[in-house]
């Protein structure tokens, strides 16, 4: 399988976590923002990544959108399952995943790119990196006003997710689900922002645990964080 992605995209990370948890072998092809449309629109009719190319006879040519990739992987390889056996719990997990996709992931993008354009510019001051950041900020309308709104949305989300994860290792149903993968992926860019790491250590402990469970390298900002002192997730 081939995953078309932006290397830094938290939505693409979401797909990688699912592939890793399923133990499915795959390769990645990193595309350039803007130019990626030439590669993906003819495949899915969409202009967004990730896009998964199964490259398997009898399977779809291409699957766009991380949620649709979840569904495909579950049908292609049911075990280990990402969908909860209890229909009510699975509906709750799907609702959380959608909220994380549409609200939290967007807010994370705004806060992250504001940080990378300012305090975090030294993370990668190269001309190409700064050009990409500028394009993304213009594309999504990222400015001081929209970022303040995003910060308020994130504060509410992080408080809510902390309450969920304080009750147990997983967000729904006592086992890993699509909601956990979405949260771990879509909050991961915040690991580069010191204020968030310091304010929400339990959130980042969960992000680390879920990445380890899925065999996915830790996000930037967490690579050097050891397991000492983190409560492991029970598989």
Protein backbone atom coordinates (compact mmCIF):
# COMPACT_ATOMS: atom_id res chain seq x y z
CA UNK A 1 0.00 0.00 0.00
CA UNK A 2 1.08 3.57 -0.68
CA UNK A 3 0.06 6.52 1.48
CA UNK A 4 0.14 9.91 -0.23
CA UNK A 5 0.77 12.48 2.47
CA UNK A 6 2.20 15.73 3.71
CA UNK A 7 5.02 14.65 6.00
CA UNK A 8 3.98 17.08 8.76
CA UNK A 9 0.18 16.69 8.46
CA UNK A 10 -1.59 15.54 11.61
CA UNK A 11 -4.42 14.13 9.47
CA UNK A 12 -1.88 11.98 7.61
CA UNK A 13 -0.45 10.90 10.98
CA UNK A 14 -3.94 9.69 11.84
CA UNK A 15 -3.90 7.32 8.86
CA UNK A 16 -0.38 6.11 9.73
CA UNK A 17 -1.48 5.26 13.27
CA UNK A 18 -4.28 3.08 11.90
CA UNK A 19 -1.97 1.33 9.44
CA UNK A 20 0.55 0.75 12.20
CA UNK A 21 -2.00 -0.60 14.65
CA UNK A 22 -3.28 -3.01 12.00
CA UNK A 23 0.30 -4.10 11.28
CA UNK A 24 -0.15 -3.38 7.57
CA UNK A 25 3.01 -2.80 5.54
CA UNK A 26 2.94 0.42 3.53
CA UNK A 27 5.12 3.08 1.96
CA UNK A 28 4.69 6.85 1.95
CA UNK A 29 5.02 9.43 -0.79
CA UNK A 30 5.46 12.98 0.47
CA UNK A 31 3.80 15.63 -1.68
CA UNK A 32 4.34 19.39 -1.85
CA UNK A 33 1.43 21.55 -0.63
CA UNK A 34 -0.30 23.16 -3.59
CA UNK A 35 1.32 20.93 -6.19
CA UNK A 36 -0.27 17.90 -4.50
CA UNK A 37 -3.56 18.70 -6.23
CA UNK A 38 -2.08 17.59 -9.55
CA UNK A 39 -1.46 14.16 -8.02
CA UNK A 40 -4.58 13.53 -5.97
CA UNK A 41 -7.59 15.24 -7.55
CA UNK A 42 -7.81 12.79 -10.44
CA UNK A 43 -7.61 9.91 -7.96
CA UNK A 44 -10.32 10.89 -5.47
CA UNK A 45 -11.99 14.06 -6.74
CA UNK A 46 -10.70 15.71 -3.56
CA UNK A 47 -7.85 18.13 -3.01
CA UNK A 48 -6.93 16.93 0.49
CA UNK A 49 -4.55 14.37 1.96
CA UNK A 50 -4.11 11.65 3.10
CA UNK A 51 -4.92 9.39 0.17
CA UNK A 52 -4.33 5.65 0.44
CA UNK A 53 -3.56 3.61 -2.68
CA UNK A 54 -4.11 -0.06 -1.74
CA UNK A 55 -2.38 -1.32 -4.92
CA UNK A 56 -4.19 -4.64 -4.47
CA UNK A 57 -6.27 -6.40 -7.11
CA UNK A 58 -9.96 -6.28 -6.21
CA UNK A 59 -9.57 -3.28 -3.89
CA UNK A 60 -10.36 0.39 -4.62
CA UNK A 61 -7.77 2.31 -6.57
CA UNK A 62 -7.66 5.14 -4.05
CA UNK A 63 -9.28 6.10 -0.74
CA UNK A 64 -9.31 9.76 0.28
CA UNK A 65 -10.01 11.19 3.76
CA UNK A 66 -8.67 9.68 6.98
CA UNK A 67 -12.12 8.55 8.17
CA UNK A 68 -12.72 6.65 4.93
CA UNK A 69 -9.26 5.12 5.28
CA UNK A 70 -10.26 3.87 8.74
CA UNK A 71 -13.35 2.23 7.26
CA UNK A 72 -11.41 0.64 4.41
CA UNK A 73 -8.72 -0.77 6.72
CA UNK A 74 -11.35 -2.21 9.05
CA UNK A 75 -13.04 -4.04 6.17
CA UNK A 76 -9.74 -5.09 4.57
CA UNK A 77 -8.19 -6.42 7.79
CA UNK A 78 -10.70 -6.69 10.64
CA UNK A 79 -8.13 -7.68 13.29
CA UNK A 80 -6.95 -6.05 15.38
CA UNK A 81 -10.17 -4.11 15.27
CA UNK A 82 -10.47 -0.34 15.58
CA UNK A 83 -14.25 -0.46 15.70
CA UNK A 84 -15.93 -1.22 19.02
CA UNK A 85 -18.22 -4.27 19.17
CA UNK A 86 -20.89 -2.37 21.09
CA UNK A 87 -22.85 -0.32 18.55
CA UNK A 88 -23.61 2.52 20.99
CA UNK A 89 -19.97 2.81 21.99
CA UNK A 90 -18.86 2.71 18.35
CA UNK A 91 -21.34 5.49 17.56
CA UNK A 92 -19.86 7.53 20.40
CA UNK A 93 -16.32 6.88 19.13
CA UNK A 94 -17.36 7.94 15.61
CA UNK A 95 -18.95 11.11 17.00
CA UNK A 96 -15.76 11.96 18.91
CA UNK A 97 -13.64 11.28 15.83
CA UNK A 98 -15.80 13.61 13.74
CA UNK A 99 -15.59 16.35 16.40
CA UNK A 100 -11.82 15.92 16.57
CA UNK A 101 -11.56 16.08 12.77
CA UNK A 102 -13.77 19.08 12.20
CA UNK A 103 -13.08 21.19 15.29
CA UNK A 104 -9.99 20.15 17.22
CA UNK A 105 -7.79 19.28 14.26
CA UNK A 106 -8.58 22.64 12.66
CA UNK A 107 -7.89 24.55 15.88
CA UNK A 108 -4.58 22.70 16.27
CA UNK A 109 -3.58 23.72 12.73
CA UNK A 110 -4.25 27.40 13.46
CA UNK A 111 -2.31 27.43 16.74
CA UNK A 112 0.57 25.36 15.35
CA UNK A 113 1.17 27.47 12.23
CA UNK A 114 0.89 30.69 14.24
CA UNK A 115 3.60 29.31 16.55
CA UNK A 116 5.81 28.18 13.64
CA UNK A 117 5.57 31.64 12.06
CA UNK A 118 6.57 33.34 15.32
CA UNK A 119 8.17 31.86 18.45
CA UNK A 120 8.80 28.54 16.74
CA UNK A 121 10.36 29.91 13.57
CA UNK A 122 13.79 28.61 14.59
CA UNK A 123 12.52 25.01 14.44
CA UNK A 124 13.07 25.23 10.69
CA UNK A 125 13.96 28.71 9.43
CA UNK A 126 14.67 27.47 5.90
CA UNK A 127 13.16 29.43 3.03
CA UNK A 128 11.11 26.43 1.85
CA UNK A 129 9.66 25.76 5.30
CA UNK A 130 8.73 29.38 5.85
CA UNK A 131 7.20 29.55 2.39
CA UNK A 132 4.99 26.54 3.15
CA UNK A 133 3.95 28.07 6.47
CA UNK A 134 3.04 31.33 4.71
CA UNK A 135 0.98 29.48 2.09
CA UNK A 136 -0.90 27.50 4.75
CA UNK A 137 -1.61 30.61 6.82
CA UNK A 138 -3.01 32.40 3.77
CA UNK A 139 -5.00 29.38 2.62
CA UNK A 140 -6.79 28.91 5.94
CA UNK A 141 -7.01 32.54 7.05
CA UNK A 142 -4.72 32.11 10.04
CA UNK A 143 -4.25 35.42 11.84
CA UNK A 144 -4.25 36.80 15.38
CA UNK A 145 -8.03 36.88 15.61
CA UNK A 146 -8.70 33.37 14.27
CA UNK A 147 -5.88 31.95 16.40
CA UNK A 148 -7.37 33.38 19.59
CA UNK A 149 -10.64 31.64 18.78
CA UNK A 150 -8.74 28.43 18.06
CA UNK A 151 -6.94 28.64 21.42
CA UNK A 152 -10.27 28.88 23.24
CA UNK A 153 -11.60 25.89 21.32
CA UNK A 154 -8.48 23.89 22.16
CA UNK A 155 -8.66 24.78 25.85
CA UNK A 156 -12.18 23.38 26.01
CA UNK A 157 -11.21 20.26 24.04
CA UNK A 158 -8.11 19.51 26.12
CA UNK A 159 -10.08 19.86 29.34
CA UNK A 160 -12.74 17.48 28.04
CA UNK A 161 -10.24 14.90 26.76
CA UNK A 162 -8.32 15.06 30.04
CA UNK A 163 -11.53 14.19 31.88
CA UNK A 164 -12.16 11.25 29.54
CA UNK A 165 -8.62 9.91 29.87
CA UNK A 166 -8.59 10.34 33.66
CA UNK A 167 -11.35 7.75 33.81
CA UNK A 168 -9.33 5.16 31.92
CA UNK A 169 -6.72 4.55 29.28
CA UNK A 170 -9.17 4.95 26.39
CA UNK A 171 -11.79 7.47 25.39
CA UNK A 172 -14.60 4.99 24.75
CA UNK A 173 -15.33 1.37 25.62
CA UNK A 174 -12.23 0.39 27.55
CA UNK A 175 -10.14 -0.31 24.47
CA UNK A 176 -8.38 1.48 21.63
CA UNK A 177 -10.74 3.00 19.08
CA UNK A 178 -10.81 5.46 16.20
CA UNK A 179 -11.42 8.21 18.76
CA UNK A 180 -8.08 7.56 20.49
CA UNK A 181 -6.20 7.51 17.19
CA UNK A 182 -7.82 10.77 16.10
CA UNK A 183 -7.01 12.49 19.40
CA UNK A 184 -3.39 11.26 19.45
CA UNK A 185 -2.79 12.37 15.87
CA UNK A 186 -4.69 15.64 15.73
CA UNK A 187 -3.24 17.02 18.96
CA UNK A 188 0.31 15.89 18.15
CA UNK A 189 1.54 19.19 16.58
CA UNK A 190 1.04 20.86 19.97
CA UNK A 191 3.98 18.80 21.31
CA UNK A 192 6.35 21.39 19.81
CA UNK A 193 4.72 24.18 21.83
CA UNK A 194 6.20 24.23 25.38
CA UNK A 195 3.15 25.85 27.01
CA UNK A 196 0.89 22.98 25.95
CA UNK A 197 3.35 20.25 26.95
CA UNK A 198 3.70 21.78 30.40
CA UNK A 199 -0.01 22.43 30.93
CA UNK A 200 -1.30 19.03 29.77
CA UNK A 201 1.27 16.33 30.65
CA UNK A 202 -1.38 13.61 30.84
CA UNK A 203 -2.55 14.37 27.31
CA UNK A 204 0.96 13.98 25.94
CA UNK A 205 1.52 10.81 27.98
CA UNK A 206 -1.49 9.36 26.16
CA UNK A 207 -0.22 10.57 22.80
CA UNK A 208 3.10 8.83 23.47
CA UNK A 209 1.41 5.62 24.63
CA UNK A 210 -0.87 5.42 21.59
CA UNK A 211 2.02 6.01 19.18
CA UNK A 212 3.99 3.24 20.89
CA UNK A 213 1.01 0.90 20.70
CA UNK A 214 0.72 1.60 16.96
CA UNK A 215 4.44 1.36 16.27
CA UNK A 216 4.50 4.93 14.92
CA UNK A 217 7.51 7.20 15.59
CA UNK A 218 6.75 9.86 18.16
CA UNK A 219 5.78 13.33 16.94
CA UNK A 220 8.36 16.15 16.86
CA UNK A 221 8.75 17.49 20.36
CA UNK A 222 8.25 14.10 21.99
CA UNK A 223 11.02 12.03 20.38
CA UNK A 224 13.34 12.39 23.38
CA UNK A 225 10.67 11.82 26.02
CA UNK A 226 11.31 8.49 27.70
CA UNK A 227 8.69 6.15 29.07
CA UNK A 228 9.86 6.71 32.64
CA UNK A 229 7.08 8.13 34.74
CA UNK A 230 4.38 7.55 32.09
CA UNK A 231 1.56 5.20 32.92
CA UNK A 232 1.48 2.65 30.08
CA UNK A 233 -1.69 1.91 28.19
CA UNK A 234 -2.90 -1.65 28.59
CA UNK A 235 -3.19 -3.40 25.24
